[in-house]
Amino acid sequence: MDKASVREFKRALREYEKKTGVSIEDGVIEMAQSTCRRLAHTVPPFGLSSAVGKKFMESIGKQVDYAWAGSKRDVYPSSSMEAAHQAARNNRGTVRMRKFRGKKVTNENISVASKEIYKRKAMKRAGIAKAAYLAAAQKIKALQSNKKGKPASILSGVAKWVKEDVKGKLGASDTKRDGMSTTVSVTNMVDYIQKIHSGAQVDKALEQGRKNGTKRMRHILDGTKRTI
């Protein structure tokens, strides 16, 4: 954040504490939760809705089909569907759609049934990278000392394809309470997260998360002022 943003952030935290009774430390923690949500939102594909999930899972299914087709033509390993899929994926974790022109089927080592079983499993894990950030957010929330009111769930509006993987242990957080210097560190432990979520994307999401958090506090403060 630039200096002006830092000043606005600190001013909002102090006023938020004074008007709502939520400590500065818990205010920072609330913002960290909001930022985790933003991080989850920006993991490709962009969004957390059912429509995004449906399109993404269809894409994964097609990628598995392509990898299978390649394995039958000795373009990719045919020892297992998992091996074929892993070999077909590029450094971004996706399969480059290609046609195997001129290449004849040379083996039937991976059956249609095996391919379909693997496909269903791969599609079911579609939201795991997003869910890891939301799991971290839930762990952050558990550390809040202030229990006033019933804040909206961090999972509000999150579709099932992401939500069902939040219960996994792939998101971690570390909170150090120190007044205005409170820090929250978040770790996404999905092994391929760095391949699909670049440092630039993370930095942008962090900045937007902080802005959203400040706006949220300002919105609550405006509402509080009107009721006093």
Protein backbone atom coordinates (compact mmCIF):
# COMPACT_ATOMS: atom_id res chain seq x y z
CA MET A 1 0.00 0.00 0.00
CA ASP A 2 1.14 3.57 -0.62
CA LYS A 3 1.47 5.99 2.30
CA ALA A 4 -1.96 7.54 1.77
CA SER A 5 -3.60 4.10 1.77
CA VAL A 6 -1.74 3.12 4.93
CA ARG A 7 -2.95 6.29 6.70
CA GLU A 8 -6.54 5.64 5.59
CA PHE A 9 -6.26 2.01 6.70
CA LYS A 10 -5.04 2.94 10.18
CA ARG A 11 -7.60 5.72 10.52
CA ALA A 12 -10.39 3.30 9.58
CA LEU A 13 -9.17 0.71 12.09
CA ARG A 14 -9.09 3.22 14.96
CA GLU A 15 -12.55 4.54 14.14
CA TYR A 16 -13.87 1.01 13.65
CA GLU A 17 -12.63 0.04 17.10
CA LYS A 18 -14.15 3.13 18.69
CA LYS A 19 -17.56 2.82 17.05
CA THR A 20 -18.08 -0.96 17.02
CA GLY A 21 -16.05 -2.24 19.95
CA VAL A 22 -14.07 -4.53 17.64
CA SER A 23 -10.39 -4.31 18.58
CA ILE A 24 -7.81 -3.10 16.08
CA GLU A 25 -6.32 -6.59 16.12
CA ASP A 26 -9.67 -8.19 15.26
CA GLY A 27 -10.21 -5.53 12.61
CA VAL A 28 -6.98 -6.63 10.93
CA ILE A 29 -8.07 -10.27 11.25
CA GLU A 30 -11.42 -9.47 9.60
CA MET A 31 -9.57 -7.83 6.73
CA ALA A 32 -7.31 -10.88 6.41
CA GLN A 33 -10.40 -13.07 6.04
CA SER A 34 -11.71 -10.78 3.30
CA THR A 35 -8.34 -10.94 1.56
CA CYS A 36 -8.36 -14.76 1.66
CA ARG A 37 -11.73 -14.68 -0.05
CA ARG A 38 -10.28 -12.43 -2.73
CA LEU A 39 -7.31 -14.77 -3.18
CA ALA A 40 -9.69 -17.71 -3.64
CA HIS A 41 -11.72 -15.71 -6.14
CA THR A 42 -8.67 -14.98 -8.32
CA VAL A 43 -7.27 -18.52 -8.50
CA PRO A 44 -8.00 -19.56 -12.11
CA PRO A 45 -10.70 -19.78 -13.25
CA PHE A 46 -11.81 -16.38 -11.95
CA GLY A 47 -14.80 -16.64 -9.59
CA LEU A 48 -16.54 -18.86 -7.03
CA SER A 49 -19.94 -19.36 -8.63
CA SER A 50 -21.66 -22.53 -9.81
CA ALA A 51 -21.49 -21.32 -13.42
CA VAL A 52 -17.71 -20.91 -13.21
CA GLY A 53 -17.40 -24.36 -11.63
CA LYS A 54 -19.54 -26.05 -14.27
CA LYS A 55 -17.49 -24.61 -17.12
CA PHE A 56 -14.21 -25.46 -15.39
CA MET A 57 -15.19 -29.05 -14.67
CA GLU A 58 -16.28 -29.50 -18.27
CA SER A 59 -12.85 -28.22 -19.33
CA ILE A 60 -11.12 -30.68 -16.99
CA GLY A 61 -13.19 -33.51 -18.44
CA LYS A 62 -12.14 -32.58 -21.98
CA GLN A 63 -8.50 -32.37 -20.92
CA VAL A 64 -8.64 -35.87 -19.45
CA ASP A 65 -10.21 -37.13 -22.68
CA TYR A 66 -7.37 -35.58 -24.70
CA ALA A 67 -4.73 -37.08 -22.42
CA TRP A 68 -6.42 -40.48 -22.77
CA ALA A 69 -6.49 -40.16 -26.56
CA GLY A 70 -2.78 -39.34 -26.49
CA SER A 71 -1.99 -42.32 -24.27
CA LYS A 72 -3.63 -44.65 -26.80
CA ARG A 73 -1.28 -43.31 -29.46
CA ASP A 74 1.89 -43.46 -27.33
CA VAL A 75 2.06 -39.66 -27.15
CA TYR A 76 1.63 -39.90 -23.37
CA PRO A 77 2.28 -42.81 -20.97
CA SER A 78 -0.32 -45.57 -21.01
CA SER A 79 0.61 -47.13 -17.67
CA SER A 80 -2.25 -45.29 -15.93
CA MET A 81 -4.67 -42.44 -16.56
CA GLU A 82 -2.99 -40.40 -13.86
CA ALA A 83 0.40 -40.80 -15.54
CA ALA A 84 -1.07 -39.82 -18.91
CA HIS A 85 -2.79 -36.75 -17.49
CA GLN A 86 0.29 -35.57 -15.60
CA ALA A 87 2.46 -35.97 -18.70
CA ALA A 88 -0.04 -34.05 -20.82
CA ARG A 89 -0.27 -31.05 -18.47
CA ASN A 90 1.86 -27.99 -19.18
CA ASN A 91 3.61 -25.77 -16.63
CA ARG A 92 0.28 -24.08 -15.92
CA GLY A 93 -1.31 -27.39 -15.01
CA THR A 94 -3.56 -27.60 -18.08
CA VAL A 95 -3.57 -29.92 -21.07
CA ARG A 96 -2.84 -28.27 -24.39
CA MET A 97 -5.64 -29.25 -26.71
CA ARG A 98 -4.16 -30.96 -29.74
CA LYS A 99 -5.24 -33.36 -32.44
CA PHE A 100 -3.25 -36.51 -32.96
CA ARG A 101 -3.35 -36.37 -36.73
CA GLY A 102 -1.60 -39.21 -38.49
CA LYS A 103 -1.11 -41.17 -35.28
CA LYS A 104 -2.92 -44.47 -35.06
CA VAL A 105 -4.17 -46.13 -31.91
CA THR A 106 -1.43 -48.50 -30.73
CA ASN A 107 -2.79 -49.70 -27.40
CA GLU A 108 -5.89 -50.03 -25.22
CA ASN A 109 -4.02 -50.17 -21.92
CA ILE A 110 -6.30 -47.65 -20.23
CA SER A 111 -9.93 -48.70 -20.49
CA VAL A 112 -12.84 -46.32 -20.97
CA ALA A 113 -14.07 -47.24 -17.49
CA SER A 114 -10.69 -46.39 -15.91
CA LYS A 115 -10.60 -43.11 -17.77
CA GLU A 116 -14.10 -42.17 -16.62
CA ILE A 117 -13.35 -43.04 -12.97
CA TYR A 118 -10.23 -40.85 -13.08
CA LYS A 119 -12.15 -38.05 -14.82
CA ARG A 120 -14.80 -37.95 -12.10
CA LYS A 121 -12.12 -37.74 -9.42
CA ALA A 122 -10.27 -34.97 -11.26
CA MET A 123 -13.45 -32.96 -11.73
CA LYS A 124 -14.38 -33.39 -8.08
CA ARG A 125 -11.07 -31.77 -7.09
CA ALA A 126 -11.65 -28.75 -9.33
CA GLY A 127 -12.08 -26.29 -6.46
CA ILE A 128 -9.34 -27.49 -4.15
CA ALA A 129 -6.87 -24.65 -4.84
CA LYS A 130 -9.54 -22.04 -4.12
CA ALA A 131 -10.82 -23.95 -1.08
CA ALA A 132 -7.37 -23.90 0.54
CA TYR A 133 -7.50 -20.09 0.86
CA LEU A 134 -11.01 -20.26 2.32
CA ALA A 135 -9.89 -22.93 4.78
CA ALA A 136 -7.15 -20.56 5.92
CA ALA A 137 -9.76 -17.82 6.32
CA GLN A 138 -11.85 -20.03 8.59
CA LYS A 139 -8.82 -20.74 10.75
CA ILE A 140 -8.15 -17.01 10.99
CA LYS A 141 -11.75 -16.40 12.07
CA ALA A 142 -11.42 -18.96 14.86
CA LEU A 143 -8.70 -16.78 16.42
CA GLN A 144 -10.87 -13.70 16.78
CA SER A 145 -11.29 -12.65 20.39
CA ASN A 146 -14.32 -10.46 19.67
CA LYS A 147 -17.52 -12.48 19.33
CA LYS A 148 -20.01 -9.62 19.03
CA GLY A 149 -22.73 -9.98 16.44
CA LYS A 150 -22.94 -12.58 13.69
CA PRO A 151 -20.67 -11.56 10.80
CA ALA A 152 -21.42 -13.05 7.39
CA SER A 153 -19.81 -16.42 6.80
CA ILE A 154 -16.64 -16.37 4.72
CA LEU A 155 -18.35 -19.08 2.66
CA SER A 156 -21.46 -17.03 1.92
CA GLY A 157 -22.16 -17.23 -1.81
CA VAL A 158 -19.44 -19.83 -2.44
CA ALA A 159 -20.67 -22.65 -4.68
CA LYS A 160 -20.55 -26.31 -3.68
CA TRP A 161 -17.69 -27.22 -6.06
CA VAL A 162 -15.38 -25.05 -3.93
CA LYS A 163 -17.10 -25.25 -0.55
CA GLU A 164 -16.95 -29.05 -0.31
CA ASP A 165 -13.13 -28.96 -0.27
CA VAL A 166 -12.79 -26.32 2.46
CA LYS A 167 -12.85 -29.01 5.13
CA GLY A 168 -9.51 -30.25 3.85
CA LYS A 169 -6.29 -29.28 5.63
CA LEU A 170 -4.67 -27.46 2.73
CA GLY A 171 -4.95 -23.91 4.08
CA ALA A 172 -2.91 -22.60 7.02
CA SER A 173 -2.62 -19.27 8.81
CA ASP A 174 -0.42 -17.70 11.45
CA THR A 175 -1.63 -14.64 13.37
CA LYS A 176 0.56 -12.42 15.54
CA ARG A 177 -1.39 -9.94 17.62
CA ASP A 178 0.39 -6.64 18.16
CA GLY A 179 -2.11 -3.79 18.00
CA MET A 180 -1.72 -1.78 14.81
CA SER A 181 1.24 -4.02 13.87
CA THR A 182 -0.86 -7.22 13.93
CA THR A 183 0.11 -9.55 11.07
CA VAL A 184 -1.65 -12.51 9.48
CA SER A 185 0.26 -14.95 7.27
CA VAL A 186 -1.61 -17.34 4.99
CA THR A 187 -0.32 -20.47 3.26
CA ASN A 188 -1.99 -22.38 0.45
CA MET A 189 -0.54 -25.89 0.66
CA VAL A 190 -1.86 -27.19 -2.67
CA ASP A 191 1.33 -28.47 -4.29
CA TYR A 192 0.71 -26.86 -7.69
CA ILE A 193 -0.63 -23.48 -6.51
CA GLN A 194 2.44 -21.54 -7.67
CA LYS A 195 1.98 -22.88 -11.19
CA ILE A 196 -1.58 -21.61 -11.53
CA HIS A 197 -1.57 -18.53 -9.25
CA SER A 198 1.35 -16.25 -10.06
CA GLY A 199 3.05 -13.87 -7.66
CA ALA A 200 1.64 -10.93 -9.60
CA GLN A 201 -1.88 -12.33 -9.27
CA VAL A 202 -1.38 -12.86 -5.55
CA ASP A 203 -0.06 -9.31 -5.04
CA LYS A 204 -3.01 -7.86 -6.93
CA ALA A 205 -5.47 -9.93 -4.91
CA LEU A 206 -3.84 -8.86 -1.64
CA GLU A 207 -4.08 -5.20 -2.59
CA GLN A 208 -7.72 -5.56 -3.65
CA GLY A 209 -8.50 -7.50 -0.49
CA ARG A 210 -7.12 -4.69 1.66
CA LYS A 211 -9.12 -2.11 -0.30
CA ASN A 212 -12.29 -4.18 0.04
CA GLY A 213 -11.67 -4.56 3.77
CA THR A 214 -11.25 -0.81 4.25
CA LYS A 215 -14.40 -0.11 2.21
CA ARG A 216 -16.32 -2.64 4.30
CA MET A 217 -15.26 -0.93 7.53
CA ARG A 218 -16.23 2.45 6.11
CA HIS A 219 -19.62 1.09 5.06
CA ILE A 220 -20.24 -0.29 8.56
CA LEU A 221 -19.09 2.97 10.14
CA ASP A 222 -21.47 4.96 7.96
CA GLY A 223 -24.31 2.70 9.02
CA THR A 224 -23.29 2.98 12.67
CA LYS A 225 -23.21 6.76 12.47
CA ARG A 226 -26.73 6.90 11.04
CA THR A 227 -28.12 4.86 13.94
CA ILE A 228 -26.47 6.78 16.75
